[in-house]
Every structure is written in structure tokens, then in C-alpha cells.
């Protein structure tokens, strides 16, 4: 398609959302009125991001990275900046979302820190944590956390992704974590982002900055939930910087209501010998886009990207993975499993880029999917881009359905059809859960998965066809 035609299509799309765009301008104007609370470098960062968002507008399916996902419904919705008050959310409501065994819990309601229902009283040695807005306030008072100006906005690319630009322009709060050199935080840090129904379509833009210094260790859980059934957009960006020989586990748990739009971006910078385990669980939301972008910037880095997505009804769950190997002797693994029923639509777009200096790279990418109805759909696109000549890279994808033989066997042993289906679905999902090393988070994830798969099993219909494989797959894997 020519550039002129594509530009015209984009102009037509933006014309249909002119009124909702006014709401973003209003939100931006409201934040600029508070500029006295922010350092000049942050105001400049916002201004640049806002201009990029206004110039580009929302992506369309003509953009290759958004080929399988339309955001037209999001663009048409007149989202408004969330109300400032969070007094209506009680500790009892939040208790239902507790992660047992966590080191601390920071709660954000409609994008703003809620200290009264958070729990950060007894922090382990080596962990610094506060709201990101508070960290910037300290900067205005001359006591900013070390390096925040160099790190915040230094990795997530506002030019590459318009939703990163929108977040950078409109974020109001989020979490700031620093793990001191050599510290081992044994229990996970729980960041709970709550969208509370305010009677109108609400937009929030949480921002998280995690700095893990050399030879330190931590697990961070970002948990996104809804209170009420109202429409909302949560557009989050997390920047995670791991120093030499650091070990980081990051968990994304998305379980919002079906009227929600959730767009999340995790941008990770790995130093020499650093190790990352990124785990995603997409269990809710109407339209969800999960971006994971680690860069192995130091020699000998290791990266695991592991995910499970479960959809039914008309849910749309899009997983976009971009792993960049920039230095030699790095290794990465991607494992994503999807379970889709009714008219749900899943997307896996996994891309591995091996740069010229990244010799001796070892990378593998696997996407497996179960379709439980003839109307469920998966678009899967494993992709390799290799610019080095001494590497080992493989990719593959499969699409299948529950086989009738094991289902019959389980029923013949006394299980009813719902229990038998749920057991088979859980066995498929457990491949992802077993890769989660932190015991408190794994138990938490297992409980959520059991609950979600029971809902799916109760609605699932018998499979109409037998297993089929994606054209790019050969016995679960294709050598690139």
C-alpha cells in the first residue's frame, strides 16, 4: 500500500474519533497545569511524547505490528481522566486480591497511589519502594532517588509505540523500586492496580520503574483488576533495568472485566550475565495487548518469556514479543500457551532479533494453542531476524483441540464432563505454571488458573475437528 493511501486511511480513522481525542487533550492540559510539581526534564519528556501521539494517532491494522489487532473500538470510546479520589475503595475490597507471602503491597486506584490500603511497613533490607509521583516530588525537594532522571523514559521507545507515547504524556503515578547491590529480596513485591467504576469510561496510565542493581535478586508482580463492570482503558508502561549478574522475575496478571481495554508494555534492559524471567497471565479484559521487549545488552544474558492466555466470548488477547540479542553468548526462550473458546481471538507475534555482535546466541520460540470451538481464532507469527552467522535459533507454533480419547478415558474413571475437560485444560496450562520459580506466586497463579479454567470448562463444547498444525510448525518446532 502506498504511503499516500495509508496516510489518507489514518486521517479518516482519526476523523471518526475527533471527539474522544478532545478528552486526551483535556487530560494532557490538566496535567500540564500541575507542571510546578515536576522537574523540567519530566515536562520536556511529556511534551515530546504528546506531540508524537498527536502526530501519529492510533495504530491501524495496516501497521505490521498491529496487523491482527484493531483498536478502532478503543479509539471511538470517549475515555476521561480518572477521578482523583480513591476513598470509596475499602481495605475489605482489596483483601480479596491479596497475594499471600508477599514482601509488601502497593495499591493504586484509578492510577494513583492509595497509601491507606497499601502495606509497605516492614520492608526487607535492600529494597526501596515508593510511588513514582513521590519519587519525582523528592526530586523537586532536592532528594531525588539516585539515577531516576537517567532511567525514567530512557528505555521505553515513544517513537516506536504510540501507546508508550500516550503513557509518557499522561501518566500520573505508579511504582518506583530500587533493589540495592547484592540484595536478595526473598518474597515477591506485589503492585496492585485497581480500576474502580466511576460511572464513565475511565482511562489510566500507570508507570513503573524498577532498578535492580548488580548481583541482586527480586520478583515483582503487577496485578491488574477491576471493581465494577464499567468500561476503562489501562495503558501501562514498565521499565526494568537489571545490572550485572542480577536475577529478576516479572509477573503480569491481567484479570479485569470484559469491558476493559488493557495495553501493557514491559521494556527490559539486561546487563552482563543478568537473568530475566517474564511471566504473563491474561485471564480477563475485552481487548488486551501485552508487549514484552527485553534487550540483552550485556554478554551472557539470559531471558525466559513465559505466558498463558485464556479467552472466551469475544475477548481479544494479543501477545507481542520482541527479544533483541545485542551481545554474544546470550540465550532466550519463549513459551506461550493459549486456550480460546467461543468467538475469542488470540494473537502471538513473537520476534527474535539477533544483532551482528551477538554471536553464539541460543534462542527458541514456541507457541501452542487449544481452540475449543470452531469460531475461536488464533493468529500466530513466530519470526526470526538474524544478522550473525554463529547462532542457534528455532521457532514453531501449533494449533489443536482437546482430543476425545483422553476425555473419554477420564469420564470412564468417574469424572463428569466438566471436571474431565478442566483437568485436561489445566494439564495444558500447567506447562506455563511450572516455569514459575517463586512459590508464593506460583500458588497464586495456580489458584487463579483453576478458577478461570473451571469457567471455561463449564461452557466448552465438544471439539468438531482433530488437531491441526500451523504451516510454520513441524513437530512443534521449526528450525530457523
Protein backbone atom coordinates (compact mmCIF):
# COMPACT_ATOMS: atom_id res chain seq x y z
CA UNK A 1 0.00 0.00 0.00
CA UNK A 2 1.36 3.43 -0.90
CA UNK A 3 2.25 5.92 1.79
CA UNK A 4 -0.35 8.37 0.49
CA UNK A 5 -3.18 5.84 0.72
CA UNK A 6 -2.12 4.73 4.18
CA UNK A 7 -1.93 8.36 5.35
CA UNK A 8 -5.42 9.01 4.00
CA UNK A 9 -6.80 5.95 5.80
CA UNK A 10 -5.19 7.13 9.02
CA UNK A 11 -6.73 10.61 8.58
CA UNK A 12 -10.16 9.06 8.05
CA UNK A 13 -9.71 6.94 11.17
CA UNK A 14 -8.69 9.94 13.24
CA UNK A 15 -11.64 11.94 11.90
CA UNK A 16 -14.05 9.38 13.35
CA UNK A 17 -12.50 9.76 16.80
CA UNK A 18 -12.11 13.54 16.90
CA UNK A 19 -14.35 13.98 19.94
CA UNK A 20 -12.64 11.24 22.03
CA UNK A 21 -9.30 12.82 21.09
CA UNK A 22 -10.50 16.01 22.76
CA UNK A 23 -10.61 14.05 26.01
CA UNK A 24 -6.93 13.17 25.71
CA UNK A 25 -6.14 16.83 25.07
CA UNK A 26 -8.18 17.79 28.13
CA UNK A 27 -6.30 15.22 30.24
CA UNK A 28 -2.97 16.49 28.98
CA UNK A 29 -3.95 20.08 29.72
CA UNK A 30 -4.91 19.09 33.26
CA UNK A 31 -1.50 17.53 33.85
CA UNK A 32 0.35 20.49 32.36
CA UNK A 33 -1.43 22.69 34.87
CA UNK A 34 0.37 20.71 37.57
CA UNK A 35 3.80 21.19 36.00
CA UNK A 36 5.10 23.07 39.03
CA UNK A 37 5.25 19.69 40.79
CA UNK A 38 7.60 18.15 38.19
CA UNK A 39 11.21 18.79 37.20
CA UNK A 40 11.84 20.40 33.83
CA UNK A 41 13.27 17.22 32.28
CA UNK A 42 9.99 15.40 33.03
CA UNK A 43 7.92 18.19 31.49
CA UNK A 44 10.08 18.05 28.36
CA UNK A 45 9.64 14.28 28.19
CA UNK A 46 5.87 14.68 28.39
CA UNK A 47 5.80 17.38 25.73
CA UNK A 48 7.81 15.31 23.26
CA UNK A 49 5.62 12.25 23.84
CA UNK A 50 2.40 14.25 23.45
CA UNK A 51 3.50 15.71 20.14
CA UNK A 52 4.38 12.24 18.87
CA UNK A 53 0.97 10.91 19.90
CA UNK A 54 -0.82 13.80 18.20
CA UNK A 55 1.24 13.31 15.05
CA UNK A 56 0.83 9.55 14.75
CA UNK A 57 -2.60 8.90 16.22
CA UNK A 58 -3.78 5.40 16.99
CA UNK A 59 -2.35 2.46 15.03
CA UNK A 60 -4.38 0.64 12.39
CA UNK A 61 -4.23 -2.91 11.05
CA UNK A 62 -2.08 -1.54 8.21
CA UNK A 63 0.73 -1.18 10.77
CA UNK A 64 2.61 -4.50 10.70
CA UNK A 65 2.94 -4.66 14.49
CA UNK A 66 -0.86 -4.26 14.79
CA UNK A 67 -1.79 -6.41 11.82
CA UNK A 68 -4.02 -8.75 13.83
CA UNK A 69 -5.49 -6.24 16.30
CA UNK A 70 -7.85 -3.37 15.63
CA UNK A 71 -8.07 -0.61 18.24
CA UNK A 72 -10.98 1.12 16.48
CA UNK A 73 -13.36 0.43 19.39
CA UNK A 74 -10.84 1.88 21.84
CA UNK A 75 -10.26 4.94 19.65
CA UNK A 76 -14.02 5.65 19.44
CA UNK A 77 -14.60 5.42 23.20
CA UNK A 78 -14.63 8.82 24.96
CA UNK A 79 -12.37 7.92 27.88
CA UNK A 80 -11.86 10.55 30.56
CA UNK A 81 -9.15 11.10 33.13
CA UNK A 82 -9.99 9.15 36.27
CA UNK A 83 -11.33 10.98 39.32
CA UNK A 84 -8.72 11.80 41.94
CA UNK A 85 -10.49 10.28 44.96
CA UNK A 86 -9.98 6.65 45.96
CA UNK A 87 -11.77 6.85 49.31
CA UNK A 88 -14.63 4.67 48.04
CA UNK A 89 -12.34 1.63 47.73
CA UNK A 90 -12.06 -0.16 51.05
CA UNK A 91 -9.44 -2.45 52.56
CA UNK A 92 -12.05 -5.22 52.62
CA UNK A 93 -12.48 -4.99 48.84
CA UNK A 94 -8.73 -5.07 48.33
CA UNK A 95 -8.29 -8.05 50.65
CA UNK A 96 -9.88 -10.30 48.02
CA UNK A 97 -6.84 -9.67 45.80
CA UNK A 98 -4.14 -10.37 48.36
CA UNK A 99 -1.01 -12.25 47.29
CA UNK A 100 -0.16 -14.32 50.34
CA UNK A 101 3.53 -14.32 51.18
CA UNK A 102 4.46 -11.03 49.52
CA UNK A 103 7.14 -8.73 50.93
CA UNK A 104 4.89 -5.69 50.53
CA UNK A 105 1.90 -4.47 48.57
CA UNK A 106 1.41 -1.10 46.90
CA UNK A 107 -2.14 -0.38 45.77
CA UNK A 108 -3.03 2.10 43.04
CA UNK A 109 -6.67 3.06 42.49
CA UNK A 110 -7.51 4.58 39.13
CA UNK A 111 -3.82 5.16 38.52
CA UNK A 112 -2.99 6.89 41.83
CA UNK A 113 -1.23 5.56 44.91
CA UNK A 114 -3.59 4.64 47.76
CA UNK A 115 -1.40 4.58 50.92
CA UNK A 116 -4.29 3.82 53.28
CA UNK A 117 -4.93 0.40 51.73
CA UNK A 118 -1.31 -0.43 50.87
CA UNK A 119 1.09 -2.38 53.05
CA UNK A 120 4.76 -1.39 53.00
CA UNK A 121 5.50 -1.22 56.71
CA UNK A 122 8.24 -3.82 57.09
CA UNK A 123 10.49 -3.79 54.06
CA UNK A 124 13.37 -6.26 53.66
CA UNK A 125 16.89 -4.84 53.66
CA UNK A 126 17.99 -3.58 50.27
CA UNK A 127 14.51 -2.76 48.93
CA UNK A 128 13.49 0.85 48.31
CA UNK A 129 9.92 1.35 47.14
CA UNK A 130 7.51 4.26 46.86
CA UNK A 131 5.09 5.80 44.40
CA UNK A 132 6.72 7.22 41.30
CA UNK A 133 4.99 10.56 41.81
CA UNK A 134 6.52 10.73 45.29
CA UNK A 135 9.95 9.97 43.83
CA UNK A 136 9.57 12.94 41.48
CA UNK A 137 8.33 15.15 44.32
CA UNK A 138 11.53 14.28 46.17
CA UNK A 139 13.38 15.47 43.10
CA UNK A 140 11.73 18.85 43.40
CA UNK A 141 12.85 18.92 47.04
CA UNK A 142 16.44 18.08 46.13
CA UNK A 143 16.43 14.46 47.37
CA UNK A 144 15.52 12.50 44.25
CA UNK A 145 16.38 8.78 44.18
CA UNK A 146 19.73 8.20 42.51
CA UNK A 147 19.57 7.85 38.74
CA UNK A 148 15.85 8.34 38.27
CA UNK A 149 16.34 11.10 35.70
CA UNK A 150 18.66 8.88 33.64
CA UNK A 151 16.40 5.81 33.83
CA UNK A 152 12.80 7.04 33.58
CA UNK A 153 11.92 7.28 29.91
CA UNK A 154 15.35 6.07 28.88
CA UNK A 155 14.26 2.66 27.54
CA UNK A 156 10.58 2.56 26.53
CA UNK A 157 10.53 3.97 23.00
CA UNK A 158 7.92 6.69 22.46
CA UNK A 159 8.75 6.79 18.76
CA UNK A 160 8.17 3.10 18.19
CA UNK A 161 4.88 2.64 20.05
CA UNK A 162 2.17 5.31 20.20
CA UNK A 163 0.72 3.83 23.40
CA UNK A 164 4.09 4.26 25.11
CA UNK A 165 4.00 7.88 23.94
CA UNK A 166 0.47 8.29 25.33
CA UNK A 167 1.51 6.81 28.67
CA UNK A 168 4.59 9.05 28.86
CA UNK A 169 2.43 12.11 28.21
CA UNK A 170 -0.40 11.23 30.61
CA UNK A 171 0.92 9.08 33.46
CA UNK A 172 0.14 10.41 36.92
CA UNK A 173 1.54 7.77 39.26
CA UNK A 174 2.92 4.28 39.50
CA UNK A 175 5.62 2.40 41.38
CA UNK A 176 9.31 3.09 41.88
CA UNK A 177 11.53 0.22 43.05
CA UNK A 178 15.26 0.04 43.62
CA UNK A 179 16.98 -3.16 44.78
CA UNK A 180 20.38 -2.36 46.21
CA UNK A 181 23.57 -4.05 45.05
CA UNK A 182 23.85 -7.62 46.33
CA UNK A 183 20.40 -7.66 47.98
CA UNK A 184 18.23 -10.77 47.68
CA UNK A 185 14.54 -9.99 48.18
CA UNK A 186 13.17 -13.43 49.01
CA UNK A 187 9.44 -12.57 48.87
CA UNK A 188 7.67 -11.07 45.85
CA UNK A 189 6.71 -7.41 45.64
CA UNK A 190 3.01 -7.02 44.83
CA UNK A 191 1.85 -3.99 42.80
CA UNK A 192 -1.96 -3.97 42.63
CA UNK A 193 -3.51 -1.68 40.02
CA UNK A 194 -7.25 -1.28 40.58
CA UNK A 195 -9.71 0.30 38.16
CA UNK A 196 -12.81 1.40 40.09
CA UNK A 197 -16.04 2.03 38.20
CA UNK A 198 -16.77 5.74 38.32
CA UNK A 199 -19.84 5.74 36.09
CA UNK A 200 -17.99 6.90 32.96
CA UNK A 201 -15.37 5.39 30.67
CA UNK A 202 -12.11 5.91 32.56
CA UNK A 203 -8.52 5.97 31.34
CA UNK A 204 -5.45 5.41 33.50
CA UNK A 205 -1.79 5.28 32.53
CA UNK A 206 0.28 3.60 35.27
CA UNK A 207 4.07 3.93 35.05
CA UNK A 208 6.53 1.63 36.82
CA UNK A 209 10.29 1.93 37.11
CA UNK A 210 12.32 -0.97 38.53
CA UNK A 211 16.09 -0.63 39.01
CA UNK A 212 17.83 -3.86 40.01
CA UNK A 213 21.45 -3.22 40.84
CA UNK A 214 24.37 -5.61 40.28
CA UNK A 215 24.17 -9.12 41.78
CA UNK A 216 20.74 -8.52 43.33
CA UNK A 217 17.54 -10.54 43.11
CA UNK A 218 13.81 -9.72 43.15
CA UNK A 219 10.39 -10.84 41.91
CA UNK A 220 7.78 -8.20 41.01
CA UNK A 221 4.08 -8.92 40.40
CA UNK A 222 1.96 -6.39 38.51
CA UNK A 223 -1.69 -7.30 39.07
CA UNK A 224 -4.50 -5.53 37.18
CA UNK A 225 -8.08 -5.87 38.46
CA UNK A 226 -11.49 -4.18 38.10
CA UNK A 227 -14.04 -3.16 40.69
CA UNK A 228 -17.36 -2.95 38.87
CA UNK A 229 -18.31 -3.58 35.26
CA UNK A 230 -17.67 -0.15 33.76
CA UNK A 231 -15.59 0.47 30.66
CA UNK A 232 -11.98 1.50 31.23
CA UNK A 233 -8.64 1.74 29.47
CA UNK A 234 -5.49 0.85 31.37
CA UNK A 235 -2.36 1.75 29.39
CA UNK A 236 0.68 0.80 31.47
CA UNK A 237 4.41 1.03 30.84
CA UNK A 238 7.11 -0.66 32.94
CA UNK A 239 10.83 0.00 32.52
CA UNK A 240 13.05 -2.58 34.22
CA UNK A 241 16.83 -2.21 34.34
CA UNK A 242 18.86 -5.21 35.55
CA UNK A 243 22.53 -4.75 36.37
CA UNK A 244 25.41 -7.22 36.02
CA UNK A 245 24.57 -10.71 37.32
CA UNK A 246 21.16 -9.58 38.59
CA UNK A 247 18.24 -12.04 38.64
CA UNK A 248 14.72 -10.69 38.07
CA UNK A 249 11.32 -12.31 37.80
CA UNK A 250 8.49 -10.15 36.49
CA UNK A 251 4.85 -11.25 36.54
CA UNK A 252 1.94 -9.62 34.73
CA UNK A 253 -1.51 -10.77 35.87
CA UNK A 254 -4.40 -9.26 33.88
CA UNK A 255 -7.88 -10.13 35.19
CA UNK A 256 -10.02 -7.07 34.53
CA UNK A 257 -13.68 -7.07 33.47
CA UNK A 258 -14.77 -7.71 29.90
CA UNK A 259 -15.49 -4.02 29.24
CA UNK A 260 -11.83 -3.19 29.80
CA UNK A 261 -9.07 -2.33 27.34
CA UNK A 262 -5.66 -3.23 28.74
CA UNK A 263 -2.43 -2.28 26.96
CA UNK A 264 0.81 -3.07 28.75
CA UNK A 265 4.44 -2.61 27.76
CA UNK A 266 7.37 -4.19 29.59
CA UNK A 267 10.74 -2.87 28.42
CA UNK A 268 13.75 -4.62 29.99
CA UNK A 269 17.46 -3.80 29.74
CA UNK A 270 19.71 -6.70 30.80
CA UNK A 271 23.35 -6.15 31.78
CA UNK A 272 26.22 -8.62 31.57
CA UNK A 273 25.23 -12.02 32.95
CA UNK A 274 21.78 -10.78 34.04
CA UNK A 275 18.82 -13.16 34.06
CA UNK A 276 15.17 -12.31 33.41
CA UNK A 277 12.07 -14.45 33.77
CA UNK A 278 8.97 -12.69 32.40
CA UNK A 279 5.63 -14.39 33.06
CA UNK A 280 2.27 -13.18 31.71
CA UNK A 281 -1.22 -14.39 32.61
CA UNK A 282 -4.01 -12.88 30.53
CA UNK A 283 -7.28 -14.04 32.07
CA UNK A 284 -9.66 -11.09 31.61
CA UNK A 285 -10.25 -7.93 29.63
CA UNK A 286 -12.18 -7.32 26.43
CA UNK A 287 -9.21 -6.19 24.35
CA UNK A 288 -5.74 -6.88 25.72
CA UNK A 289 -2.34 -6.11 24.18
CA UNK A 290 0.70 -7.47 26.03
CA UNK A 291 4.05 -6.11 24.79
CA UNK A 292 7.26 -7.64 26.17
CA UNK A 293 10.54 -6.21 24.88
CA UNK A 294 13.77 -7.34 26.56
CA UNK A 295 17.15 -6.27 25.22
CA UNK A 296 20.10 -8.49 26.16
CA UNK A 297 22.54 -5.59 26.22
CA UNK A 298 25.30 -7.40 28.11
CA UNK A 299 27.25 -10.53 27.24
CA UNK A 300 25.90 -13.80 28.60
CA UNK A 301 22.41 -12.53 29.39
CA UNK A 302 19.54 -14.99 29.81
CA UNK A 303 15.86 -14.39 29.17
CA UNK A 304 12.72 -16.52 29.66
CA UNK A 305 9.41 -15.19 28.33
CA UNK A 306 6.59 -17.41 29.51
CA UNK A 307 2.87 -16.81 29.14
CA UNK A 308 -0.64 -18.18 29.39
CA UNK A 309 -3.72 -16.55 27.86
CA UNK A 310 -7.30 -17.79 28.28
CA UNK A 311 -10.20 -16.24 26.38
CA UNK A 312 -13.87 -16.82 25.67
CA UNK A 313 -16.86 -14.82 24.45
CA UNK A 314 -15.45 -12.07 22.20
CA UNK A 315 -12.23 -11.46 24.09
CA UNK A 316 -9.22 -10.37 22.03
CA UNK A 317 -5.84 -11.24 23.59
CA UNK A 318 -2.75 -10.06 21.71
CA UNK A 319 0.79 -11.01 22.76
CA UNK A 320 3.63 -9.15 21.05
CA UNK A 321 7.13 -10.32 21.95
CA UNK A 322 10.33 -8.66 20.74
CA UNK A 323 13.60 -10.09 22.05
CA UNK A 324 16.81 -8.35 21.00
CA UNK A 325 20.15 -10.10 21.35
CA UNK A 326 22.79 -7.34 21.23
CA UNK A 327 25.84 -9.11 22.73
CA UNK A 328 27.38 -12.60 22.40
CA UNK A 329 26.66 -15.77 24.38
CA UNK A 330 23.07 -14.83 25.21
CA UNK A 331 20.15 -17.23 25.45
CA UNK A 332 16.41 -16.68 25.29
CA UNK A 333 13.34 -18.89 25.49
CA UNK A 334 9.75 -18.01 24.62
CA UNK A 335 6.89 -20.31 25.63
CA UNK A 336 3.31 -19.13 25.21
CA UNK A 337 0.18 -21.28 25.58
CA UNK A 338 -3.29 -20.09 24.61
CA UNK A 339 -6.75 -21.52 25.37
CA UNK A 340 -9.62 -19.97 23.37
CA UNK A 341 -13.33 -20.75 23.36
CA UNK A 342 -16.49 -19.35 21.71
CA UNK A 343 -15.51 -16.38 19.48
CA UNK A 344 -12.34 -15.42 21.31
CA UNK A 345 -9.39 -14.25 19.22
CA UNK A 346 -5.79 -14.76 20.29
CA UNK A 347 -2.59 -13.38 18.77
CA UNK A 348 1.01 -14.44 19.25
CA UNK A 349 3.55 -12.32 17.38
CA UNK A 350 6.98 -13.38 18.58
CA UNK A 351 10.05 -11.77 17.07
CA UNK A 352 13.69 -12.54 17.84
CA UNK A 353 16.34 -10.14 16.53
CA UNK A 354 19.98 -11.24 16.66
CA UNK A 355 22.29 -8.27 16.07
CA UNK A 356 25.67 -8.65 14.30
CA UNK A 357 27.69 -8.64 17.55
CA UNK A 358 25.51 -11.32 19.17
CA UNK A 359 27.50 -14.41 18.13
CA UNK A 360 26.85 -17.70 19.99
CA UNK A 361 23.21 -16.73 20.56
CA UNK A 362 20.86 -19.57 21.54
CA UNK A 363 17.18 -18.69 21.10
CA UNK A 364 13.99 -20.73 20.97
CA UNK A 365 10.38 -19.72 20.44
CA UNK A 366 7.30 -21.92 20.88
CA UNK A 367 3.58 -21.07 20.76
CA UNK A 368 0.95 -23.72 21.48
CA UNK A 369 -2.80 -23.17 21.30
CA UNK A 370 -6.03 -25.01 22.07
CA UNK A 371 -9.18 -23.94 20.24
CA UNK A 372 -12.33 -25.20 21.97
CA UNK A 373 -14.85 -24.07 19.34
CA UNK A 374 -14.98 -23.73 15.58
CA UNK A 375 -15.40 -19.95 15.94
CA UNK A 376 -12.33 -19.38 18.13
CA UNK A 377 -9.34 -17.97 16.26
CA UNK A 378 -5.58 -17.70 16.72
CA UNK A 379 -3.13 -15.72 14.60
CA UNK A 380 0.39 -16.87 15.33
CA UNK A 381 3.52 -15.42 13.77
CA UNK A 382 6.88 -16.68 15.05
CA UNK A 383 9.63 -14.64 13.45
CA UNK A 384 13.45 -14.70 13.35
CA UNK A 385 15.69 -11.86 12.18
CA UNK A 386 19.32 -12.99 12.31
CA UNK A 387 22.31 -10.78 11.47
CA UNK A 388 25.02 -13.05 12.95
CA UNK A 389 26.39 -16.28 11.50
CA UNK A 390 27.16 -18.39 14.58
CA UNK A 391 23.79 -18.84 16.27
CA UNK A 392 21.24 -21.49 17.15
CA UNK A 393 17.66 -20.27 16.72
CA UNK A 394 14.42 -22.25 16.38
CA UNK A 395 10.74 -21.38 16.30
CA UNK A 396 7.40 -23.11 15.94
CA UNK A 397 3.67 -22.96 16.59
CA UNK A 398 0.83 -25.45 16.90
CA UNK A 399 -2.95 -25.24 16.96
CA UNK A 400 -5.03 -28.08 18.33
CA UNK A 401 -8.16 -29.12 20.20
CA UNK A 402 -8.98 -31.37 23.15
CA UNK A 403 -8.67 -34.96 21.97
CA UNK A 404 -11.67 -37.17 22.58
CA UNK A 405 -9.70 -40.26 23.66
CA UNK A 406 -8.23 -38.86 26.92
CA UNK A 407 -11.57 -37.15 27.62
CA UNK A 408 -13.36 -40.48 27.25
CA UNK A 409 -10.76 -42.17 29.46
CA UNK A 410 -11.24 -39.64 32.29
CA UNK A 411 -15.03 -39.92 32.09
CA UNK A 412 -14.79 -43.70 32.19
CA UNK A 413 -12.93 -43.30 35.51
CA UNK A 414 -15.84 -41.46 37.08
CA UNK A 415 -15.24 -37.79 36.29
CA UNK A 416 -18.11 -35.78 34.85
CA UNK A 417 -17.53 -33.95 31.56
CA UNK A 418 -16.82 -30.56 33.15
CA UNK A 419 -14.26 -31.98 35.57
CA UNK A 420 -12.60 -34.02 32.82
CA UNK A 421 -12.34 -31.04 30.49
CA UNK A 422 -10.99 -28.83 33.23
CA UNK A 423 -8.33 -31.41 34.12
CA UNK A 424 -7.14 -31.62 30.51
CA UNK A 425 -7.12 -27.84 30.15
CA UNK A 426 -5.17 -27.47 33.38
CA UNK A 427 -2.58 -30.01 32.23
CA UNK A 428 -2.04 -27.84 29.15
CA UNK A 429 -1.83 -24.63 31.20
CA UNK A 430 0.46 -26.20 33.79
CA UNK A 431 3.30 -26.22 31.28
CA UNK A 432 3.48 -22.45 31.84
CA UNK A 433 2.79 -22.51 35.58
CA UNK A 434 5.61 -24.98 36.20
CA UNK A 435 8.14 -22.43 34.90
CA UNK A 436 7.28 -20.03 37.72
CA UNK A 437 10.01 -20.43 40.34
CA UNK A 438 8.71 -18.23 43.18
CA UNK A 439 6.45 -20.49 45.28
CA UNK A 440 4.05 -17.78 46.58
CA UNK A 441 3.42 -16.50 43.06
CA UNK A 442 3.09 -19.98 41.61
CA UNK A 443 0.43 -20.90 44.21
CA UNK A 444 -1.33 -17.60 43.47
CA UNK A 445 -1.22 -18.28 39.71
CA UNK A 446 -2.41 -21.87 40.13
CA UNK A 447 -5.45 -20.75 42.11
CA UNK A 448 -6.38 -18.13 39.51
CA UNK A 449 -5.91 -20.64 36.69
CA UNK A 450 -8.08 -23.30 38.35
CA UNK A 451 -10.86 -20.75 38.80
CA UNK A 452 -10.65 -19.45 35.25
CA UNK A 453 -10.46 -22.86 33.60
CA UNK A 454 -13.48 -24.09 35.55
CA UNK A 455 -15.48 -21.25 33.95
CA UNK A 456 -14.21 -22.26 30.51
CA UNK A 457 -14.85 -25.98 31.05
CA UNK A 458 -18.44 -25.31 32.00
CA UNK A 459 -19.05 -23.58 28.67
CA UNK A 460 -16.85 -25.67 26.37
CA UNK A 461 -18.48 -27.66 23.59
CA UNK A 462 -17.18 -30.93 22.13
CA UNK A 463 -14.40 -30.45 19.58
CA UNK A 464 -15.57 -30.72 15.99
CA UNK A 465 -12.25 -31.49 14.36
CA UNK A 466 -8.94 -33.07 15.16
CA UNK A 467 -5.64 -31.37 15.89
CA UNK A 468 -4.13 -29.29 13.11
CA UNK A 469 -0.76 -27.59 12.92
CA UNK A 470 0.28 -24.14 11.81
CA UNK A 471 2.04 -24.11 8.45
CA UNK A 472 5.23 -22.85 10.14
CA UNK A 473 5.34 -25.74 12.63
CA UNK A 474 6.96 -29.13 12.20
CA UNK A 475 6.60 -31.47 15.19
CA UNK A 476 6.16 -28.44 17.49
CA UNK A 477 9.25 -26.75 16.13
CA UNK A 478 10.80 -25.37 13.01
CA UNK A 479 14.50 -24.71 12.71
CA UNK A 480 15.19 -21.13 11.56
